[in-house]
PDB file of all heavy atoms in Angstrom:
ATOM      1  N   GLN A   1      76.161-157.691  57.912  1.00  0.00           N
ATOM      2  CA  GLN A   1      77.466-158.172  58.002  1.00  0.00           C
ATOM      3  C   GLN A   1      77.787-158.914  56.693  1.00  0.00           C
ATOM      4  O   GLN A   1      77.095-159.847  56.372  1.00  0.00           O
ATOM      5  CB  GLN A   1      77.665-159.130  59.201  1.00  0.00           C
ATOM      6  CG  GLN A   1      77.155-158.613  60.526  1.00  0.00           C
ATOM      7  CD  GLN A   1      78.051-157.535  61.147  1.00  0.00           C
ATOM      8  OE1 GLN A   1      78.827-156.885  60.422  1.00  0.00           O
ATOM      9  NE2 GLN A   1      77.951-157.362  62.427  1.00  0.00           N
ATOM     10  N   LEU A   2      78.784-158.435  55.977  1.00  0.00           N
ATOM     11  CA  LEU A   2      79.051-158.966  54.597  1.00  0.00           C
ATOM     12  C   LEU A   2      80.239-159.903  54.607  1.00  0.00           C
ATOM     13  O   LEU A   2      81.281-159.575  55.086  1.00  0.00           O
ATOM     14  CB  LEU A   2      79.316-157.823  53.650  1.00  0.00           C
ATOM     15  CG  LEU A   2      78.264-156.751  53.477  1.00  0.00           C
ATOM     16  CD1 LEU A   2      78.749-155.694  52.523  1.00  0.00           C
ATOM     17  CD2 LEU A   2      76.988-157.384  52.925  1.00  0.00           C
ATOM     18  N   ASP A   3      80.024-161.106  54.042  1.00  0.00           N
ATOM     19  CA  ASP A   3      81.149-161.913  53.674  1.00  0.00           C
ATOM     20  C   ASP A   3      81.624-161.372  52.306  1.00  0.00           C
ATOM     21  O   ASP A   3      80.989-161.578  51.297  1.00  0.00           O
ATOM     22  CB  ASP A   3      80.734-163.400  53.508  1.00  0.00           C
ATOM     23  CG  ASP A   3      81.860-164.316  53.205  1.00  0.00           C
ATOM     24  OD1 ASP A   3      82.665-164.002  52.270  1.00  0.00           O
ATOM     25  OD2 ASP A   3      81.985-165.329  53.874  1.00  0.00           O
ATOM     26  N   ARG A   4      82.758-160.646  52.334  1.00  0.00           N
ATOM     27  CA  ARG A   4      83.129-159.907  51.174  1.00  0.00           C
ATOM     28  C   ARG A   4      83.421-160.789  49.925  1.00  0.00           C
ATOM     29  O   ARG A   4      83.222-160.413  48.775  1.00  0.00           O
ATOM     30  CB  ARG A   4      84.383-159.045  51.461  1.00  0.00           C
ATOM     31  CG  ARG A   4      84.073-157.803  52.306  1.00  0.00           C
ATOM     32  CD  ARG A   4      83.379-156.732  51.465  1.00  0.00           C
ATOM     33  NE  ARG A   4      84.248-156.272  50.395  1.00  0.00           N
ATOM     34  CZ  ARG A   4      85.169-155.328  50.502  1.00  0.00           C
ATOM     35  NH1 ARG A   4      85.350-154.695  51.670  1.00  0.00           N
ATOM     36  NH2 ARG A   4      85.864-154.943  49.467  1.00  0.00           N
ATOM     37  N   GLY A   5      83.887-162.007  50.207  1.00  0.00           N
ATOM     38  CA  GLY A   5      84.150-162.934  49.058  1.00  0.00           C
ATOM     39  C   GLY A   5      82.892-163.326  48.346  1.00  0.00           C
ATOM     40  O   GLY A   5      82.763-163.091  47.159  1.00  0.00           O
ATOM     41  N   SER A   6      81.920-163.858  49.045  1.00  0.00           N
ATOM     42  CA  SER A   6      80.657-164.255  48.421  1.00  0.00           C
ATOM     43  C   SER A   6      79.894-163.109  47.885  1.00  0.00           C
ATOM     44  O   SER A   6      79.290-163.128  46.806  1.00  0.00           O
ATOM     45  CB  SER A   6      79.789-165.030  49.394  1.00  0.00           C
ATOM     46  OG  SER A   6      79.407-164.246  50.500  1.00  0.00           O
ATOM     47  N   PHE A   7      80.020-161.927  48.563  1.00  0.00           N
ATOM     48  CA  PHE A   7      79.291-160.716  48.105  1.00  0.00           C
ATOM     49  C   PHE A   7      79.864-160.194  46.779  1.00  0.00           C
ATOM     50  O   PHE A   7      79.145-159.903  45.871  1.00  0.00           O
ATOM     51  CB  PHE A   7      79.365-159.649  49.151  1.00  0.00           C
ATOM     52  CG  PHE A   7      78.535-158.411  48.844  1.00  0.00           C
ATOM     53  CD1 PHE A   7      77.237-158.532  48.455  1.00  0.00           C
ATOM     54  CD2 PHE A   7      79.088-157.155  48.923  1.00  0.00           C
ATOM     55  CE1 PHE A   7      76.459-157.396  48.165  1.00  0.00           C
ATOM     56  CE2 PHE A   7      78.372-156.033  48.610  1.00  0.00           C
ATOM     57  CZ  PHE A   7      77.028-156.119  48.228  1.00  0.00           C
ATOM     58  N   GLU A   8      81.163-160.115  46.708  1.00  0.00           N
ATOM     59  CA  GLU A   8      81.781-159.609  45.487  1.00  0.00           C
ATOM     60  C   GLU A   8      81.574-160.630  44.305  1.00  0.00           C
ATOM     61  O   GLU A   8      81.442-160.187  43.161  1.00  0.00           O
ATOM     62  CB  GLU A   8      83.236-159.303  45.668  1.00  0.00           C
ATOM     63  CG  GLU A   8      83.460-158.087  46.569  1.00  0.00           C
ATOM     64  CD  GLU A   8      84.857-157.598  46.701  1.00  0.00           C
ATOM     65  OE1 GLU A   8      85.683-157.980  45.828  1.00  0.00           O
ATOM     66  OE2 GLU A   8      85.162-156.820  47.620  1.00  0.00           O
ATOM     67  N   ASN A   9      81.552-161.915  44.580  1.00  0.00           N
ATOM     68  CA  ASN A   9      81.246-162.863  43.562  1.00  0.00           C
ATOM     69  C   ASN A   9      79.840-162.668  43.003  1.00  0.00           C
ATOM     70  O   ASN A   9      79.560-162.755  41.795  1.00  0.00           O
ATOM     71  CB  ASN A   9      81.383-164.329  44.029  1.00  0.00           C
ATOM     72  CG  ASN A   9      82.874-164.645  44.297  1.00  0.00           C
ATOM     73  OD1 ASN A   9      83.790-164.100  43.690  1.00  0.00           O
ATOM     74  ND2 ASN A   9      83.083-165.633  45.183  1.00  0.00           N
ATOM     75  N   GLU A  10      78.891-162.353  43.918  1.00  0.00           N
ATOM     76  CA  GLU A  10      77.535-162.039  43.465  1.00  0.00           C
ATOM     77  C   GLU A  10      77.463-160.807  42.627  1.00  0.00           C
ATOM     78  O   GLU A  10      76.808-160.728  41.599  1.00  0.00           O
ATOM     79  CB  GLU A  10      76.655-161.914  44.727  1.00  0.00           C
ATOM     80  CG  GLU A  10      75.211-161.469  44.416  1.00  0.00           C
ATOM     81  CD  GLU A  10      74.370-162.523  43.742  1.00  0.00           C
ATOM     82  OE1 GLU A  10      74.782-163.716  43.734  1.00  0.00           O
ATOM     83  OE2 GLU A  10      73.296-162.186  43.175  1.00  0.00           O
ATOM     84  N   LEU A  11      78.224-159.770  43.046  1.00  0.00           N
ATOM     85  CA  LEU A  11      78.260-158.538  42.279  1.00  0.00           C
ATOM     86  C   LEU A  11      78.843-158.731  40.909  1.00  0.00           C
ATOM     87  O   LEU A  11      78.337-158.125  39.926  1.00  0.00           O
ATOM     88  CB  LEU A  11      79.094-157.469  43.021  1.00  0.00           C
ATOM     89  CG  LEU A  11      78.509-156.974  44.352  1.00  0.00           C
ATOM     90  CD1 LEU A  11      79.456-155.972  45.003  1.00  0.00           C
ATOM     91  CD2 LEU A  11      77.134-156.342  44.176  1.00  0.00           C
ATOM     92  N   ILE A  12      79.831-159.599  40.789  1.00  0.00           N
ATOM     93  CA  ILE A  12      80.400-159.902  39.447  1.00  0.00           C
ATOM     94  C   ILE A  12      79.322-160.532  38.561  1.00  0.00           C
ATOM     95  O   ILE A  12      79.171-160.105  37.377  1.00  0.00           O
ATOM     96  CB  ILE A  12      81.596-160.870  39.610  1.00  0.00           C
ATOM     97  CG1 ILE A  12      82.827-160.086  40.075  1.00  0.00           C
ATOM     98  CG2 ILE A  12      81.903-161.534  38.252  1.00  0.00           C
ATOM     99  CD1 ILE A  12      84.016-160.991  40.386  1.00  0.00           C
ATOM    100  N   GLN A  13      78.596-161.478  39.094  1.00  0.00           N
ATOM    101  CA  GLN A  13      77.550-162.173  38.264  1.00  0.00           C
ATOM    102  C   GLN A  13      76.493-161.154  37.865  1.00  0.00           C
ATOM    103  O   GLN A  13      76.012-161.134  36.695  1.00  0.00           O
ATOM    104  CB  GLN A  13      76.938-163.300  39.049  1.00  0.00           C
ATOM    105  CG  GLN A  13      77.945-164.431  39.351  1.00  0.00           C
ATOM    106  CD  GLN A  13      78.622-164.938  38.102  1.00  0.00           C
ATOM    107  OE1 GLN A  13      77.981-165.175  37.051  1.00  0.00           O
ATOM    108  NE2 GLN A  13      79.954-165.088  38.179  1.00  0.00           N
ATOM    109  N   ARG A  14      76.083-160.237  38.756  1.00  0.00           N
ATOM    110  CA  ARG A  14      75.053-159.273  38.428  1.00  0.00           C
ATOM    111  C   ARG A  14      75.581-158.271  37.417  1.00  0.00           C
ATOM    112  O   ARG A  14      74.839-157.838  36.464  1.00  0.00           O
ATOM    113  CB  ARG A  14      74.583-158.553  39.711  1.00  0.00           C
ATOM    114  CG  ARG A  14      73.730-159.467  40.585  1.00  0.00           C
ATOM    115  CD  ARG A  14      73.367-158.788  41.898  1.00  0.00           C
ATOM    116  NE  ARG A  14      72.549-159.630  42.676  1.00  0.00           N
ATOM    117  CZ  ARG A  14      71.193-159.437  42.904  1.00  0.00           C
ATOM    118  NH1 ARG A  14      70.623-158.425  42.365  1.00  0.00           N
ATOM    119  NH2 ARG A  14      70.513-160.305  43.644  1.00  0.00           N
ATOM    120  N   SER A  15      76.834-157.860  37.548  1.00  0.00           N
ATOM    121  CA  SER A  15      77.404-156.910  36.617  1.00  0.00           C
ATOM    122  C   SER A  15      77.487-157.487  35.209  1.00  0.00           C
ATOM    123  O   SER A  15      77.136-156.843  34.229  1.00  0.00           O
ATOM    124  CB  SER A  15      78.800-156.443  37.089  1.00  0.00           C
ATOM    125  OG  SER A  15      79.300-155.462  36.291  1.00  0.00           O
ATOM    126  N   LYS A  16      77.918-158.718  35.107  1.00  0.00           N
ATOM    127  CA  LYS A  16      77.984-159.374  33.811  1.00  0.00           C
ATOM    128  C   LYS A  16      76.594-159.581  33.201  1.00  0.00           C
ATOM    129  O   LYS A  16      76.393-159.424  32.019  1.00  0.00           O
ATOM    130  CB  LYS A  16      78.736-160.737  33.927  1.00  0.00           C
ATOM    131  CG  LYS A  16      80.219-160.531  34.250  1.00  0.00           C
ATOM    132  CD  LYS A  16      80.875-161.828  34.735  1.00  0.00           C
ATOM    133  CE  LYS A  16      80.972-162.886  33.661  1.00  0.00           C
ATOM    134  NZ  LYS A  16      81.750-164.042  34.147  1.00  0.00           N
ATOM    135  N   ALA A  17      75.645-159.964  34.073  1.00  0.00           N
ATOM    136  CA  ALA A  17      74.269-160.146  33.616  1.00  0.00           C
ATOM    137  C   ALA A  17      73.663-158.835  33.085  1.00  0.00           C
ATOM    138  O   ALA A  17      72.830-158.811  32.190  1.00  0.00           O
ATOM    139  CB  ALA A  17      73.410-160.723  34.717  1.00  0.00           C
ATOM    140  N   ALA A  18      74.130-157.698  33.627  1.00  0.00           N
ATOM    141  CA  ALA A  18      73.659-156.416  33.184  1.00  0.00           C
ATOM    142  C   ALA A  18      74.271-155.968  31.864  1.00  0.00           C
ATOM    143  O   ALA A  18      73.834-154.956  31.268  1.00  0.00           O
ATOM    144  CB  ALA A  18      73.952-155.330  34.242  1.00  0.00           C
ATOM    145  N   GLY A  19      75.267-156.724  31.399  1.00  0.00           N
ATOM    146  CA  GLY A  19      75.902-156.414  30.125  1.00  0.00           C
ATOM    147  C   GLY A  19      77.253-155.808  30.218  1.00  0.00           C
ATOM    148  O   GLY A  19      77.838-155.441  29.190  1.00  0.00           O
ATOM    149  N   ASN A  20      77.815-155.681  31.411  1.00  0.00           N
ATOM    150  CA  ASN A  20      79.157-155.172  31.544  1.00  0.00           C
ATOM    151  C   ASN A  20      80.192-156.256  31.258  1.00  0.00           C
ATOM    152  O   ASN A  20      79.932-157.479  31.495  1.00  0.00           O
ATOM    153  CB  ASN A  20      79.369-154.633  32.971  1.00  0.00           C
ATOM    154  CG  ASN A  20      78.419-153.502  33.304  1.00  0.00           C
ATOM    155  OD1 ASN A  20      78.134-152.649  32.445  1.00  0.00           O
ATOM    156  ND2 ASN A  20      77.960-153.427  34.568  1.00  0.00           N
ATOM    157  N   GLU A  21      81.335-155.846  30.819  1.00  0.00           N
ATOM    158  CA  GLU A  21      82.408-156.836  30.512  1.00  0.00           C
ATOM    159  C   GLU A  21      83.444-156.803  31.624  1.00  0.00           C
ATOM    160  O   GLU A  21      83.815-155.771  32.101  1.00  0.00           O
ATOM    161  CB  GLU A  21      83.057-156.508  29.150  1.00  0.00           C
ATOM    162  CG  GLU A  21      82.133-156.718  27.987  1.00  0.00           C
ATOM    163  CD  GLU A  21      82.879-156.666  26.640  1.00  0.00           C
ATOM    164  OE1 GLU A  21      84.001-157.179  26.549  1.00  0.00           O
ATOM    165  OE2 GLU A  21      82.332-156.040  25.700  1.00  0.00           O
ATOM    166  N   LEU A  22      83.902-157.990  31.981  1.00  0.00           N
ATOM    167  CA  LEU A  22      84.902-158.145  33.047  1.00  0.00           C
ATOM    168  C   LEU A  22      86.096-158.928  32.523  1.00  0.00           C
ATOM    169  O   LEU A  22      85.917-160.009  31.926  1.00  0.00           O
ATOM    170  CB  LEU A  22      84.282-158.894  34.224  1.00  0.00           C
ATOM    171  CG  LEU A  22      85.209-159.308  35.359  1.00  0.00           C
ATOM    172  CD1 LEU A  22      85.699-158.023  36.138  1.00  0.00           C
ATOM    173  CD2 LEU A  22      84.535-160.289  36.305  1.00  0.00           C
ATOM    174  N   GLN A  23      87.289-158.381  32.752  1.00  0.00           N
ATOM    175  CA  GLN A  23      88.485-159.068  32.386  1.00  0.00           C
ATOM    176  C   GLN A  23      89.317-159.316  33.629  1.00  0.00           C
ATOM    177  O   GLN A  23      89.759-158.362  34.293  1.00  0.00           O
ATOM    178  CB  GLN A  23      89.334-158.263  31.389  1.00  0.00           C
ATOM    179  CG  GLN A  23      90.594-158.914  30.911  1.00  0.00           C
ATOM    180  CD  GLN A  23      90.303-160.123  30.042  1.00  0.00           C
ATOM    181  OE1 GLN A  23      89.648-160.012  28.961  1.00  0.00           O
ATOM    182  NE2 GLN A  23      90.753-161.265  30.452  1.00  0.00           N
ATOM    183  N   LEU A  24      89.495-160.580  33.997  1.00  0.00           N
ATOM    184  CA  LEU A  24      90.256-160.931  35.187  1.00  0.00           C
ATOM    185  C   LEU A  24      91.774-161.087  34.858  1.00  0.00           C
ATOM    186  O   LEU A  24      92.156-161.204  33.747  1.00  0.00           O
ATOM    187  CB  LEU A  24      89.766-162.238  35.795  1.00  0.00           C
ATOM    188  CG  LEU A  24      88.266-162.207  36.307  1.00  0.00           C
ATOM    189  CD1 LEU A  24      87.916-163.630  36.767  1.00  0.00           C
ATOM    190  CD2 LEU A  24      88.159-161.255  37.478  1.00  0.00           C
ATOM    191  N   GLY A  25      92.570-161.050  35.887  1.00  0.00           N
ATOM    192  CA  GLY A  25      93.985-161.290  35.723  1.00  0.00           C
ATOM    193  C   GLY A  25      94.698-160.101  35.133  1.00  0.00           C
ATOM    194  O   GLY A  25      95.796-160.278  34.572  1.00  0.00           O
TER     195      GLY A  25
END
């Protein structure tokens, strides 16, 4: 059972740590 908010925040941190770039807004 996923809390989508906390889960997607974790995925963002992992994606950035892997070297991907994220632009919000």
